[in-house]
Amino acid sequence: MAPLPDGFSYAEWNATYNALSFGIAAMGSATIFFWLQLPNVTKNYRTALTITGIVTLIATYHYIRIFNSWSEAFTVASKDGGDYTVKLTGAPFNDGYRYVDWLLTVPLLLIELILVMKLPQAETVSLSWKLGLASALMVALGYPGEIQEDLSVRWFWWCLSMIPFCYVVFTLAVGLAESTSKQPSPAAASLVSAARYLTVLSWCTYPFVYMVKSVGLAGPAATMYEQVGYSIADVMAKAVFGVLIWAIAAEKSAVEESGKLLPN
């Protein structure tokens, strides 16, 4: 929980306000959609889709907390119909909710992908543990740098967190390629590939947003870019990724159901 800089313009405050509002709406809507779709997939994929909804539910809760903290940290007023002015109230802005959210949801994101791929049980358990622990370690290593003002310390923790990050990204991009090709239909294989590469793409956004305050940017602009960047990346990595998980589950359920209807 670092103190907010003074001097926010209304545009900077409003951009963050809208990004956090968008995060709440996207995550909340996604949660309802995923859980409503549970009866429409076979039992094999309901666990993955349930976890998908849990991820977006956790994210919805934390976005509400971040949004409320942001609103309480400022007063926004217009005098005599003039331009809006933004002033700090003195209440702290707690962005640590993001890291609590990531520590819970990032391992679950990877586990839901592994589950929906329906790999052999031993491989499923092994990959879930390895990717889950690596992703949790990545988040844990990133937090000490996030709350630092010293750029050398921020870079130190960024470099440490990139070690498990690179392992997870390599596994998604390369290690799961063979398993993807073994999916029961071309459409399912294509959707799994899309989910893998969307995860890689959205994840690559986070290190760059993390570096915003490490490359000379400071003050309200840096805070705005950080909050907007993280919000967009979160929606891609959770809500949009979750839609792909649902599409994979629906496609594979259809394939399995059609197989049962074929004459022996």
Protein backbone atom coordinates (compact mmCIF):
# COMPACT_ATOMS: atom_id res chain seq x y z
CA MET A 1 0.00 0.00 0.00
CA ALA A 2 2.00 2.97 -1.29
CA PRO A 3 0.86 6.60 -0.87
CA LEU A 4 -0.78 8.10 -3.94
CA PRO A 5 0.91 11.07 -5.62
CA ASP A 6 -0.92 14.38 -5.56
CA GLY A 7 -1.91 16.34 -8.63
CA PHE A 8 -4.28 13.99 -10.47
CA SER A 9 -6.19 15.58 -13.32
CA TYR A 10 -9.82 14.65 -13.76
CA ALA A 11 -8.95 12.75 -16.96
CA GLU A 12 -6.35 10.61 -15.14
CA TRP A 13 -8.67 9.91 -12.23
CA ASN A 14 -11.60 9.14 -14.52
CA ALA A 15 -9.60 6.78 -16.75
CA THR A 16 -8.71 4.67 -13.72
CA TYR A 17 -12.26 4.88 -12.35
CA ASN A 18 -13.67 3.62 -15.66
CA ALA A 19 -11.06 0.86 -15.99
CA LEU A 20 -11.91 -0.48 -12.54
CA SER A 21 -15.65 -0.23 -13.29
CA PHE A 22 -15.07 -2.18 -16.50
CA GLY A 23 -13.20 -4.83 -14.53
CA ILE A 24 -16.15 -5.28 -12.16
CA ALA A 25 -18.69 -5.50 -15.00
CA ALA A 26 -16.62 -7.89 -17.12
CA MET A 27 -15.70 -10.25 -14.29
CA GLY A 28 -19.17 -10.27 -12.77
CA SER A 29 -20.92 -10.91 -16.09
CA ALA A 30 -18.44 -13.66 -16.95
CA THR A 31 -19.06 -15.40 -13.62
CA ILE A 32 -22.82 -15.55 -14.21
CA PHE A 33 -22.33 -16.79 -17.78
CA PHE A 34 -19.88 -19.57 -16.86
CA TRP A 35 -22.04 -20.99 -14.10
CA LEU A 36 -25.19 -20.82 -16.22
CA GLN A 37 -23.36 -22.92 -18.83
CA LEU A 38 -22.51 -25.76 -16.41
CA PRO A 39 -25.52 -27.93 -17.38
CA ASN A 40 -24.58 -27.60 -21.06
CA VAL A 41 -21.24 -29.42 -20.80
CA THR A 42 -20.57 -33.02 -19.83
CA LYS A 43 -19.41 -34.04 -16.35
CA ASN A 44 -15.83 -34.34 -17.59
CA TYR A 45 -15.55 -30.56 -18.01
CA ARG A 46 -17.78 -29.16 -15.26
CA THR A 47 -14.90 -28.92 -12.78
CA ALA A 48 -12.88 -26.80 -15.21
CA LEU A 49 -15.86 -24.53 -15.92
CA THR A 50 -16.66 -24.25 -12.20
CA ILE A 51 -13.08 -23.16 -11.50
CA THR A 52 -13.38 -20.64 -14.35
CA GLY A 53 -16.36 -19.08 -12.60
CA ILE A 54 -14.56 -19.11 -9.24
CA VAL A 55 -11.64 -17.22 -10.82
CA THR A 56 -13.88 -14.46 -12.16
CA LEU A 57 -15.89 -14.35 -8.91
CA ILE A 58 -12.69 -13.81 -6.90
CA ALA A 59 -11.64 -11.15 -9.40
CA THR A 60 -15.05 -9.44 -9.15
CA TYR A 61 -14.75 -9.22 -5.36
CA HIS A 62 -11.24 -7.78 -5.49
CA TYR A 63 -12.13 -5.30 -8.23
CA ILE A 64 -14.99 -4.03 -6.08
CA ARG A 65 -12.54 -3.58 -3.19
CA ILE A 66 -10.00 -1.76 -5.41
CA PHE A 67 -12.75 0.41 -6.91
CA ASN A 68 -14.07 1.38 -3.48
CA SER A 69 -10.55 2.10 -2.24
CA TRP A 70 -9.90 4.32 -5.27
CA SER A 71 -13.17 6.21 -4.79
CA GLU A 72 -12.50 6.77 -1.09
CA ALA A 73 -9.00 8.11 -1.78
CA PHE A 74 -10.30 11.16 -3.71
CA THR A 75 -12.87 13.89 -3.69
CA VAL A 76 -14.05 15.05 -7.09
CA ALA A 77 -15.91 18.35 -7.27
CA SER A 78 -16.89 21.06 -9.70
CA LYS A 79 -17.20 24.63 -8.46
CA ASP A 80 -19.82 26.83 -10.12
CA GLY A 81 -20.12 24.48 -13.10
CA GLY A 82 -16.43 24.72 -13.94
CA ASP A 83 -13.88 21.98 -14.53
CA TYR A 84 -13.77 19.09 -12.12
CA THR A 85 -10.98 19.15 -9.55
CA VAL A 86 -9.52 16.04 -7.96
CA LYS A 87 -8.03 16.08 -4.47
CA LEU A 88 -6.68 13.38 -2.19
CA THR A 89 -8.76 12.69 0.91
CA GLY A 90 -5.86 11.18 2.84
CA ALA A 91 -7.46 7.74 2.82
CA PRO A 92 -5.00 5.08 1.58
CA PHE A 93 -5.44 3.42 -1.78
CA ASN A 94 -4.93 -0.30 -1.27
CA ASP A 95 -3.70 -1.82 -4.52
CA GLY A 96 -2.50 -4.88 -2.61
CA TYR A 97 -5.88 -6.45 -3.39
CA ARG A 98 -4.50 -7.15 -6.87
CA TYR A 99 -1.76 -9.37 -5.50
CA VAL A 100 -4.15 -11.25 -3.21
CA ASP A 101 -6.35 -11.79 -6.25
CA TRP A 102 -3.46 -12.97 -8.44
CA LEU A 103 -2.10 -15.30 -5.78
CA LEU A 104 -5.47 -17.08 -5.76
CA THR A 105 -6.53 -16.85 -9.38
CA VAL A 106 -3.35 -17.23 -11.44
CA PRO A 107 -2.69 -20.86 -10.37
CA LEU A 108 -6.39 -21.65 -10.88
CA LEU A 109 -6.27 -20.22 -14.41
CA LEU A 110 -3.56 -22.67 -15.36
CA ILE A 111 -5.25 -25.57 -13.59
CA GLU A 112 -8.53 -24.99 -15.44
CA LEU A 113 -6.67 -25.11 -18.77
CA ILE A 114 -4.98 -28.38 -17.81
CA LEU A 115 -8.31 -29.86 -16.68
CA VAL A 116 -10.20 -28.93 -19.83
CA MET A 117 -7.47 -30.49 -21.98
CA LYS A 118 -8.31 -33.84 -20.34
CA LEU A 119 -4.75 -35.15 -20.27
CA PRO A 120 -3.79 -38.47 -18.66
CA GLN A 121 -4.31 -38.27 -14.89
CA ALA A 122 -0.62 -38.46 -13.96
CA GLU A 123 0.23 -35.66 -16.41
CA THR A 124 -2.71 -33.57 -15.22
CA VAL A 125 -1.62 -33.80 -11.57
CA SER A 126 2.05 -33.16 -12.39
CA LEU A 127 1.38 -30.12 -14.59
CA SER A 128 -1.18 -28.67 -12.18
CA TRP A 129 1.31 -28.77 -9.31
CA LYS A 130 4.27 -27.49 -11.33
CA LEU A 131 2.45 -24.65 -13.09
CA GLY A 132 0.36 -23.75 -10.04
CA LEU A 133 3.37 -23.45 -7.74
CA ALA A 134 5.48 -21.64 -10.34
CA SER A 135 2.75 -19.07 -10.99
CA ALA A 136 2.17 -18.50 -7.25
CA LEU A 137 5.92 -18.01 -6.78
CA MET A 138 5.92 -15.50 -9.64
CA VAL A 139 3.22 -13.40 -7.95
CA ALA A 140 4.86 -13.65 -4.52
CA LEU A 141 8.20 -12.49 -5.90
CA GLY A 142 6.61 -9.58 -7.75
CA TYR A 143 4.88 -8.01 -4.75
CA PRO A 144 7.96 -6.78 -2.80
CA GLY A 145 9.07 -4.81 -5.86
CA GLU A 146 5.62 -3.38 -6.50
CA ILE A 147 5.58 -1.56 -3.17
CA GLN A 148 9.11 -0.16 -3.55
CA GLU A 149 10.02 3.33 -4.74
CA ASP A 150 13.71 2.44 -5.17
CA LEU A 151 14.09 1.53 -8.86
CA SER A 152 17.03 -0.81 -8.30
CA VAL A 153 14.96 -2.82 -5.81
CA ARG A 154 12.00 -2.91 -8.20
CA TRP A 155 14.21 -4.24 -10.98
CA PHE A 156 15.72 -6.86 -8.63
CA TRP A 157 12.31 -8.33 -7.74
CA TRP A 158 11.12 -8.03 -11.34
CA CYS A 159 14.06 -10.16 -12.49
CA LEU A 160 13.39 -12.77 -9.80
CA SER A 161 9.70 -13.02 -10.66
CA MET A 162 10.57 -13.44 -14.35
CA ILE A 163 12.26 -16.80 -13.64
CA PRO A 164 9.03 -18.70 -12.82
CA PHE A 165 7.22 -16.51 -15.36
CA CYS A 166 9.47 -17.74 -18.18
CA TYR A 167 9.05 -21.35 -17.06
CA VAL A 168 5.25 -21.11 -17.20
CA VAL A 169 5.21 -19.27 -20.53
CA PHE A 170 7.62 -21.80 -22.07
CA THR A 171 5.46 -24.68 -20.85
CA LEU A 172 2.31 -23.11 -22.33
CA ALA A 173 3.89 -22.16 -25.65
CA VAL A 174 6.08 -25.22 -26.22
CA GLY A 175 5.56 -27.91 -23.59
CA LEU A 176 1.83 -28.37 -24.26
CA ALA A 177 2.07 -28.31 -28.06
CA GLU A 178 2.04 -32.11 -28.41
CA SER A 179 -0.89 -32.52 -26.01
CA THR A 180 -2.83 -29.89 -27.95
CA SER A 181 -2.48 -31.87 -31.17
CA LYS A 182 -4.13 -34.88 -29.47
CA GLN A 183 -7.43 -33.11 -28.83
CA PRO A 184 -10.51 -34.99 -30.15
CA SER A 185 -11.33 -32.57 -32.99
CA PRO A 186 -9.60 -29.88 -35.05
CA ALA A 187 -11.91 -27.27 -33.54
CA ALA A 188 -10.99 -28.34 -29.99
CA ALA A 189 -7.29 -28.31 -30.84
CA SER A 190 -7.63 -24.83 -32.33
CA LEU A 191 -9.46 -23.54 -29.25
CA VAL A 192 -6.87 -25.03 -26.88
CA SER A 193 -4.10 -23.38 -28.91
CA ALA A 194 -5.96 -20.07 -28.74
CA ALA A 195 -6.33 -20.39 -24.95
CA ARG A 196 -2.63 -21.19 -24.54
CA TYR A 197 -1.49 -18.27 -26.67
CA LEU A 198 -4.01 -15.84 -25.17
CA THR A 199 -2.57 -16.71 -21.77
CA VAL A 200 0.96 -16.07 -23.03
CA LEU A 201 -0.11 -12.78 -24.67
CA SER A 202 -2.04 -11.48 -21.66
CA TRP A 203 0.67 -12.58 -19.25
CA CYS A 204 3.33 -10.73 -21.25
CA THR A 205 1.35 -7.54 -20.62
CA TYR A 206 1.93 -7.71 -16.85
CA PRO A 207 5.76 -7.38 -16.81
CA PHE A 208 5.55 -4.31 -19.06
CA VAL A 209 2.90 -2.66 -16.88
CA TYR A 210 5.01 -3.54 -13.82
CA MET A 211 7.92 -1.66 -15.42
CA VAL A 212 5.93 1.55 -15.90
CA LYS A 213 7.34 2.99 -12.67
CA SER A 214 10.80 1.59 -13.42
CA VAL A 215 11.48 3.44 -16.67
CA GLY A 216 11.26 7.05 -15.50
CA LEU A 217 7.48 7.50 -15.34
CA ALA A 218 6.15 8.76 -12.03
CA GLY A 219 3.29 10.62 -10.45
CA PRO A 220 -0.38 10.44 -11.43
CA ALA A 221 0.29 9.41 -15.05
CA ALA A 222 2.28 6.35 -13.98
CA THR A 223 -0.45 5.33 -11.53
CA MET A 224 -3.11 5.71 -14.21
CA TYR A 225 -1.18 3.67 -16.80
CA GLU A 226 -0.54 0.97 -14.21
CA GLN A 227 -4.17 0.66 -13.12
CA VAL A 228 -5.59 0.76 -16.66
CA GLY A 229 -2.96 -1.68 -17.95
CA TYR A 230 -3.53 -4.20 -15.18
CA SER A 231 -7.31 -3.96 -15.61
CA ILE A 232 -7.16 -4.68 -19.35
CA ALA A 233 -4.71 -7.55 -18.83
CA ASP A 234 -6.91 -9.04 -16.09
CA VAL A 235 -10.03 -9.02 -18.27
CA MET A 236 -8.12 -10.73 -21.08
CA ALA A 237 -6.49 -13.29 -18.79
CA LYS A 238 -9.66 -14.17 -16.85
CA ALA A 239 -12.93 -13.25 -18.57
CA VAL A 240 -11.83 -13.69 -22.21
CA PHE A 241 -9.70 -16.71 -21.35
CA GLY A 242 -12.69 -18.16 -19.48
CA VAL A 243 -14.85 -17.84 -22.59
CA LEU A 244 -12.28 -19.95 -24.44
CA ILE A 245 -12.34 -22.54 -21.63
CA TRP A 246 -16.13 -22.69 -21.98
CA ALA A 247 -15.85 -23.02 -25.78
CA ILE A 248 -13.35 -25.89 -25.41
CA ALA A 249 -15.61 -27.64 -22.90
CA ALA A 250 -18.66 -27.17 -25.15
CA GLU A 251 -16.84 -28.44 -28.25
CA LYS A 252 -15.39 -31.50 -26.53
CA SER A 253 -18.74 -32.25 -24.89
CA ALA A 254 -20.41 -32.16 -28.31
CA VAL A 255 -17.77 -34.49 -29.75
CA GLU A 256 -18.15 -36.95 -26.89
CA GLU A 257 -21.95 -36.87 -27.04
CA SER A 258 -21.97 -37.42 -30.82
CA GLY A 259 -19.59 -40.36 -30.34
CA LYS A 260 -22.03 -42.01 -27.96
CA LEU A 261 -24.81 -41.67 -30.51
CA LEU A 262 -22.87 -43.44 -33.27
CA PRO A 263 -23.98 -47.02 -33.97
CA ASN A 264 -21.63 -49.76 -32.78
